[in-house]
């Protein structure tokens, strides 16, 4: 086993441990951590099966196998960004609805105070 493979295995395990600790301490919700856990597991799998990167790169048509790792990283970041965009969009709609409800309640309250 090469030095870089050992470092990547340790890094992947530490990353997964970090995500699990964030979940345990309720600093991140389980629903939001699924992608982090998935991609952490994927990188651990890739770290353990070094020839897998070469094999998958051949199938995809990438001639420089380490570029496959960069592709995995970019895909992971894109999925996480999409997930965050969905969450932000939902929260934006909820905030707008809440602001409208508060405005209606204040309007009703001022009408009641005027009478």
N, C-alpha and C. Protein backbone atom coordinates (compact mmCIF):
# COMPACT_ATOMS: atom_id res chain seq x y z
N UNK A 1 0.85 -1.17 0.00
CA UNK A 1 0.00 0.00 0.00
C UNK A 1 0.89 1.24 0.00
N UNK A 2 0.57 2.17 -0.89
CA UNK A 2 1.36 3.39 -1.02
C UNK A 2 1.01 4.39 0.07
N UNK A 3 1.94 5.30 0.29
CA UNK A 3 1.77 6.32 1.32
C UNK A 3 0.53 7.17 1.06
N UNK A 4 0.31 7.57 -0.20
CA UNK A 4 -0.83 8.41 -0.53
C UNK A 4 -2.15 7.67 -0.30
N UNK A 5 -2.14 6.37 -0.52
CA UNK A 5 -3.35 5.58 -0.29
C UNK A 5 -3.67 5.53 1.21
N UNK A 6 -2.65 5.37 2.03
CA UNK A 6 -2.85 5.35 3.48
C UNK A 6 -3.38 6.70 3.96
N UNK A 7 -2.80 7.79 3.43
CA UNK A 7 -3.24 9.14 3.81
C UNK A 7 -4.69 9.36 3.38
N UNK A 8 -5.05 8.91 2.19
CA UNK A 8 -6.42 9.11 1.73
C UNK A 8 -7.42 8.27 2.52
N UNK A 9 -7.02 7.07 2.93
CA UNK A 9 -7.89 6.24 3.77
C UNK A 9 -8.11 6.92 5.12
N UNK A 10 -7.02 7.39 5.73
CA UNK A 10 -7.13 8.08 7.03
C UNK A 10 -7.98 9.34 6.89
N UNK A 11 -7.76 10.11 5.81
CA UNK A 11 -8.55 11.32 5.58
C UNK A 11 -10.03 11.02 5.41
N UNK A 12 -10.35 9.96 4.66
CA UNK A 12 -11.75 9.59 4.45
C UNK A 12 -12.42 9.14 5.74
N UNK A 13 -11.69 8.35 6.54
CA UNK A 13 -12.24 7.88 7.82
C UNK A 13 -12.45 9.05 8.77
N UNK A 14 -11.50 9.97 8.82
CA UNK A 14 -11.64 11.16 9.68
C UNK A 14 -12.82 12.02 9.23
N UNK A 15 -12.99 12.16 7.91
CA UNK A 15 -14.11 12.93 7.39
C UNK A 15 -15.44 12.30 7.79
N UNK A 16 -15.55 10.98 7.64
CA UNK A 16 -16.78 10.28 8.03
C UNK A 16 -17.03 10.41 9.53
N UNK A 17 -15.97 10.28 10.32
CA UNK A 17 -16.10 10.44 11.77
C UNK A 17 -16.57 11.85 12.11
N UNK A 18 -16.05 12.86 11.42
CA UNK A 18 -16.43 14.24 11.64
C UNK A 18 -17.92 14.45 11.35
N UNK A 19 -18.40 13.90 10.25
CA UNK A 19 -19.82 14.03 9.90
C UNK A 19 -20.70 13.34 10.94
N UNK A 20 -20.30 12.15 11.37
CA UNK A 20 -21.07 11.42 12.39
C UNK A 20 -21.10 12.21 13.69
N UNK A 21 -20.00 12.82 14.07
CA UNK A 21 -19.97 13.64 15.29
C UNK A 21 -20.89 14.86 15.17
N UNK A 22 -20.92 15.49 13.99
CA UNK A 22 -21.82 16.61 13.79
C UNK A 22 -23.28 16.18 13.94
N UNK A 23 -23.58 14.97 13.47
CA UNK A 23 -24.94 14.45 13.60
C UNK A 23 -25.25 14.18 15.07
N UNK A 24 -24.32 13.55 15.78
CA UNK A 24 -24.53 13.23 17.19
C UNK A 24 -24.76 14.48 18.03
N UNK A 25 -24.04 15.54 17.72
CA UNK A 25 -24.14 16.79 18.49
C UNK A 25 -25.28 17.68 17.99
N UNK A 26 -26.05 17.17 17.06
CA UNK A 26 -27.19 17.89 16.49
C UNK A 26 -26.78 19.22 15.84
N UNK A 27 -25.58 19.26 15.29
CA UNK A 27 -25.12 20.45 14.58
C UNK A 27 -25.48 20.38 13.10
N UNK A 28 -25.83 19.19 12.65
CA UNK A 28 -26.28 19.00 11.28
C UNK A 28 -27.39 17.96 11.31
N UNK A 29 -28.44 18.20 10.54
CA UNK A 29 -29.55 17.26 10.52
C UNK A 29 -29.20 16.04 9.67
N UNK A 30 -29.81 14.92 10.03
CA UNK A 30 -29.53 13.67 9.32
C UNK A 30 -29.86 13.80 7.84
N UNK A 31 -30.94 14.47 7.53
CA UNK A 31 -31.36 14.60 6.13
C UNK A 31 -30.31 15.34 5.30
N UNK A 32 -29.64 16.31 5.89
CA UNK A 32 -28.64 17.08 5.16
C UNK A 32 -27.29 16.37 5.11
N UNK A 33 -27.10 15.42 5.98
CA UNK A 33 -25.80 14.75 6.04
C UNK A 33 -25.73 13.51 5.16
N UNK A 34 -26.85 13.11 4.56
CA UNK A 34 -26.84 11.89 3.75
C UNK A 34 -25.85 11.99 2.60
N UNK A 35 -25.86 13.11 1.90
CA UNK A 35 -24.91 13.27 0.79
C UNK A 35 -23.47 13.28 1.28
N UNK A 36 -23.23 13.96 2.41
CA UNK A 36 -21.87 13.99 2.96
C UNK A 36 -21.41 12.57 3.31
N UNK A 37 -22.28 11.81 3.93
CA UNK A 37 -21.92 10.43 4.28
C UNK A 37 -21.71 9.58 3.03
N UNK A 38 -22.57 9.76 2.04
CA UNK A 38 -22.45 8.99 0.80
C UNK A 38 -21.12 9.26 0.12
N UNK A 39 -20.79 10.55 -0.06
CA UNK A 39 -19.55 10.87 -0.76
C UNK A 39 -18.32 10.57 0.09
N UNK A 40 -18.43 10.68 1.40
CA UNK A 40 -17.32 10.25 2.26
C UNK A 40 -17.08 8.76 2.13
N UNK A 41 -18.17 7.98 2.10
CA UNK A 41 -18.05 6.54 1.88
C UNK A 41 -17.49 6.21 0.51
N UNK A 42 -17.91 6.99 -0.50
CA UNK A 42 -17.38 6.78 -1.85
C UNK A 42 -15.88 7.02 -1.89
N UNK A 43 -15.43 8.09 -1.26
CA UNK A 43 -13.99 8.37 -1.25
C UNK A 43 -13.22 7.33 -0.44
N UNK A 44 -13.82 6.82 0.60
CA UNK A 44 -13.17 5.73 1.35
C UNK A 44 -13.06 4.50 0.47
N UNK A 45 -14.12 4.17 -0.24
CA UNK A 45 -14.12 3.03 -1.15
C UNK A 45 -13.05 3.20 -2.23
N UNK A 46 -12.97 4.39 -2.80
CA UNK A 46 -11.96 4.67 -3.82
C UNK A 46 -10.56 4.58 -3.23
N UNK A 47 -10.40 5.03 -2.00
CA UNK A 47 -9.09 4.97 -1.34
C UNK A 47 -8.66 3.52 -1.11
N UNK A 48 -9.62 2.66 -0.77
CA UNK A 48 -9.30 1.26 -0.50
C UNK A 48 -9.04 0.48 -1.79
N UNK A 49 -9.77 0.78 -2.85
CA UNK A 49 -9.65 0.04 -4.11
C UNK A 49 -8.97 0.94 -5.14
N UNK A 50 -7.65 1.01 -5.06
CA UNK A 50 -6.87 1.93 -5.89
C UNK A 50 -7.05 1.64 -7.37
N UNK A 51 -7.09 0.37 -7.74
CA UNK A 51 -7.25 0.03 -9.15
C UNK A 51 -8.65 0.36 -9.67
N UNK A 52 -9.58 0.58 -8.76
CA UNK A 52 -10.93 0.94 -9.15
C UNK A 52 -10.99 2.27 -9.88
N UNK A 53 -10.15 3.21 -9.48
CA UNK A 53 -10.11 4.51 -10.15
C UNK A 53 -9.63 4.31 -11.58
N UNK A 54 -8.58 3.51 -11.75
CA UNK A 54 -8.06 3.23 -13.09
C UNK A 54 -9.12 2.54 -13.95
N UNK A 55 -9.81 1.56 -13.37
CA UNK A 55 -10.82 0.80 -14.10
C UNK A 55 -11.98 1.70 -14.51
N UNK A 56 -12.47 2.51 -13.57
CA UNK A 56 -13.61 3.37 -13.87
C UNK A 56 -13.22 4.47 -14.87
N UNK A 57 -12.00 4.98 -14.75
CA UNK A 57 -11.53 6.01 -15.69
C UNK A 57 -11.47 5.45 -17.10
N UNK A 58 -11.05 4.18 -17.25
CA UNK A 58 -11.02 3.55 -18.57
C UNK A 58 -12.42 3.44 -19.15
N UNK A 59 -13.37 3.04 -18.31
CA UNK A 59 -14.76 2.89 -18.78
C UNK A 59 -15.33 4.22 -19.25
N UNK A 60 -15.06 5.27 -18.49
CA UNK A 60 -15.59 6.60 -18.81
C UNK A 60 -14.83 7.24 -19.97
N UNK A 61 -13.60 6.82 -20.18
CA UNK A 61 -12.80 7.39 -21.26
C UNK A 61 -11.86 8.48 -20.81
N UNK A 62 -11.53 8.49 -19.54
CA UNK A 62 -10.59 9.47 -19.00
C UNK A 62 -9.20 8.83 -19.02
N UNK A 63 -8.26 9.49 -19.69
CA UNK A 63 -6.94 8.90 -19.88
C UNK A 63 -6.00 9.10 -18.70
N UNK A 64 -6.29 10.06 -17.86
CA UNK A 64 -5.46 10.33 -16.68
C UNK A 64 -6.29 10.01 -15.45
N UNK A 65 -6.13 8.81 -14.87
CA UNK A 65 -7.01 8.35 -13.78
C UNK A 65 -7.16 9.30 -12.59
N UNK A 66 -6.11 10.02 -12.16
CA UNK A 66 -6.33 10.96 -11.05
C UNK A 66 -7.36 12.05 -11.38
N UNK A 67 -7.56 12.33 -12.65
CA UNK A 67 -8.60 13.29 -13.04
C UNK A 67 -9.98 12.76 -12.69
N UNK A 68 -10.10 11.44 -12.58
CA UNK A 68 -11.36 10.82 -12.18
C UNK A 68 -11.73 11.25 -10.76
N UNK A 69 -10.72 11.36 -9.90
CA UNK A 69 -10.96 11.81 -8.53
C UNK A 69 -11.49 13.24 -8.52
N UNK A 70 -10.93 14.08 -9.39
CA UNK A 70 -11.40 15.46 -9.49
C UNK A 70 -12.85 15.48 -9.99
N UNK A 71 -13.18 14.61 -10.93
CA UNK A 71 -14.55 14.51 -11.40
C UNK A 71 -15.49 14.11 -10.28
N UNK A 72 -15.11 13.11 -9.47
CA UNK A 72 -15.92 12.70 -8.32
C UNK A 72 -16.13 13.87 -7.36
N UNK A 73 -15.07 14.63 -7.11
CA UNK A 73 -15.16 15.77 -6.20
C UNK A 73 -16.11 16.83 -6.74
N UNK A 74 -16.00 17.12 -8.02
CA UNK A 74 -16.87 18.13 -8.63
C UNK A 74 -18.33 17.68 -8.57
N UNK A 75 -18.58 16.41 -8.86
CA UNK A 75 -19.94 15.87 -8.80
C UNK A 75 -20.47 15.96 -7.37
N UNK A 76 -19.65 15.64 -6.39
CA UNK A 76 -20.06 15.72 -4.99
C UNK A 76 -20.44 17.15 -4.62
N UNK A 77 -19.63 18.10 -5.01
CA UNK A 77 -19.90 19.51 -4.68
C UNK A 77 -21.19 19.97 -5.37
N UNK A 78 -21.39 19.55 -6.62
CA UNK A 78 -22.60 19.95 -7.34
C UNK A 78 -23.84 19.40 -6.63
N UNK A 79 -23.81 18.13 -6.22
CA UNK A 79 -24.96 17.55 -5.53
C UNK A 79 -25.24 18.26 -4.20
N UNK A 80 -24.20 18.57 -3.47
CA UNK A 80 -24.39 19.27 -2.19
C UNK A 80 -24.96 20.67 -2.44
N UNK A 81 -24.46 21.35 -3.46
CA UNK A 81 -24.99 22.68 -3.77
C UNK A 81 -26.45 22.63 -4.20
N UNK A 82 -26.81 21.61 -4.96
CA UNK A 82 -28.21 21.46 -5.35
C UNK A 82 -29.07 21.22 -4.12
N UNK A 83 -28.60 20.37 -3.22
CA UNK A 83 -29.35 20.10 -1.99
C UNK A 83 -29.55 21.38 -1.19
N UNK A 84 -28.49 22.18 -1.05
CA UNK A 84 -28.60 23.44 -0.32
C UNK A 84 -29.53 24.41 -1.02
N UNK A 85 -29.53 24.43 -2.35
CA UNK A 85 -30.43 25.30 -3.09
C UNK A 85 -31.88 24.93 -2.83
N UNK A 86 -32.17 23.65 -2.77
CA UNK A 86 -33.53 23.19 -2.49
C UNK A 86 -33.94 23.64 -1.08
N UNK A 87 -33.05 23.45 -0.12
CA UNK A 87 -33.36 23.83 1.27
C UNK A 87 -33.57 25.33 1.38
N UNK A 88 -32.71 26.12 0.76
CA UNK A 88 -32.83 27.58 0.83
C UNK A 88 -34.13 28.04 0.16
N UNK A 89 -34.49 27.40 -0.95
CA UNK A 89 -35.73 27.76 -1.64
C UNK A 89 -36.95 27.48 -0.76
N UNK A 90 -36.96 26.33 -0.11
CA UNK A 90 -38.08 25.99 0.78
C UNK A 90 -38.16 26.98 1.94
N UNK A 91 -37.01 27.28 2.52
CA UNK A 91 -37.00 28.21 3.66
C UNK A 91 -37.41 29.62 3.23
N UNK A 92 -37.03 30.02 2.04
CA UNK A 92 -37.42 31.33 1.53
C UNK A 92 -38.94 31.41 1.39
N UNK A 93 -39.55 30.36 0.87
CA UNK A 93 -41.01 30.33 0.75
C UNK A 93 -41.67 30.37 2.14
N UNK A 94 -41.12 29.63 3.08
CA UNK A 94 -41.68 29.62 4.44
C UNK A 94 -41.56 30.98 5.09
N UNK A 95 -40.44 31.65 4.91
CA UNK A 95 -40.23 32.98 5.49
C UNK A 95 -41.23 33.97 4.89
N UNK A 96 -41.43 33.91 3.58
CA UNK A 96 -42.38 34.80 2.92
C UNK A 96 -43.79 34.57 3.47
N UNK A 97 -44.20 33.31 3.60
CA UNK A 97 -45.52 33.00 4.14
C UNK A 97 -45.67 33.49 5.58
N UNK A 98 -44.64 33.28 6.38
CA UNK A 98 -44.69 33.75 7.76
C UNK A 98 -44.78 35.26 7.84
N UNK A 99 -44.03 35.95 7.00
CA UNK A 99 -44.07 37.42 6.99
C UNK A 99 -45.47 37.90 6.60
N UNK A 100 -46.09 37.23 5.63
CA UNK A 100 -47.45 37.61 5.23
C UNK A 100 -48.44 37.37 6.36
N UNK A 101 -48.31 36.24 7.06
CA UNK A 101 -49.20 35.94 8.18
C UNK A 101 -49.04 36.95 9.31
N UNK A 102 -47.80 37.34 9.61
CA UNK A 102 -47.55 38.34 10.66
C UNK A 102 -48.16 39.67 10.25
N UNK A 103 -48.02 40.04 8.98
CA UNK A 103 -48.60 41.30 8.51
C UNK A 103 -50.12 41.28 8.63
N UNK A 104 -50.73 40.14 8.29
CA UNK A 104 -52.19 40.04 8.43
C UNK A 104 -52.61 40.12 9.89
N UNK A 105 -51.89 39.45 10.76
CA UNK A 105 -52.21 39.50 12.19
C UNK A 105 -52.07 40.92 12.74
N UNK A 106 -51.02 41.63 12.35
CA UNK A 106 -50.84 43.02 12.80
C UNK A 106 -51.95 43.91 12.27
N UNK A 107 -52.34 43.65 11.03
CA UNK A 107 -53.42 44.43 10.43
C UNK A 107 -54.73 44.21 11.19
N UNK A 108 -55.02 42.96 11.52
CA UNK A 108 -56.23 42.64 12.27
C UNK A 108 -56.17 43.25 13.66
N UNK A 109 -55.00 43.21 14.26
CA UNK A 109 -54.83 43.74 15.63
C UNK A 109 -55.05 45.25 15.64
N UNK A 110 -54.56 45.96 14.65
CA UNK A 110 -54.74 47.42 14.62
C UNK A 110 -56.19 47.77 14.35
N UNK A 111 -56.90 46.98 13.54
CA UNK A 111 -58.32 47.21 13.29
C UNK A 111 -59.14 47.00 14.57
N UNK A 112 -58.77 45.98 15.34
CA UNK A 112 -59.47 45.71 16.60
C UNK A 112 -59.21 46.82 17.61
N UNK A 113 -58.01 47.35 17.62
CA UNK A 113 -57.67 48.42 18.58
C UNK A 113 -58.37 49.73 18.20
N UNK A 114 -58.63 49.94 16.89
CA UNK A 114 -59.29 51.16 16.44
C UNK A 114 -60.77 51.17 16.85
N UNK A 115 -61.39 50.01 17.01
CA UNK A 115 -62.82 49.94 17.35
C UNK A 115 -63.04 49.94 18.80
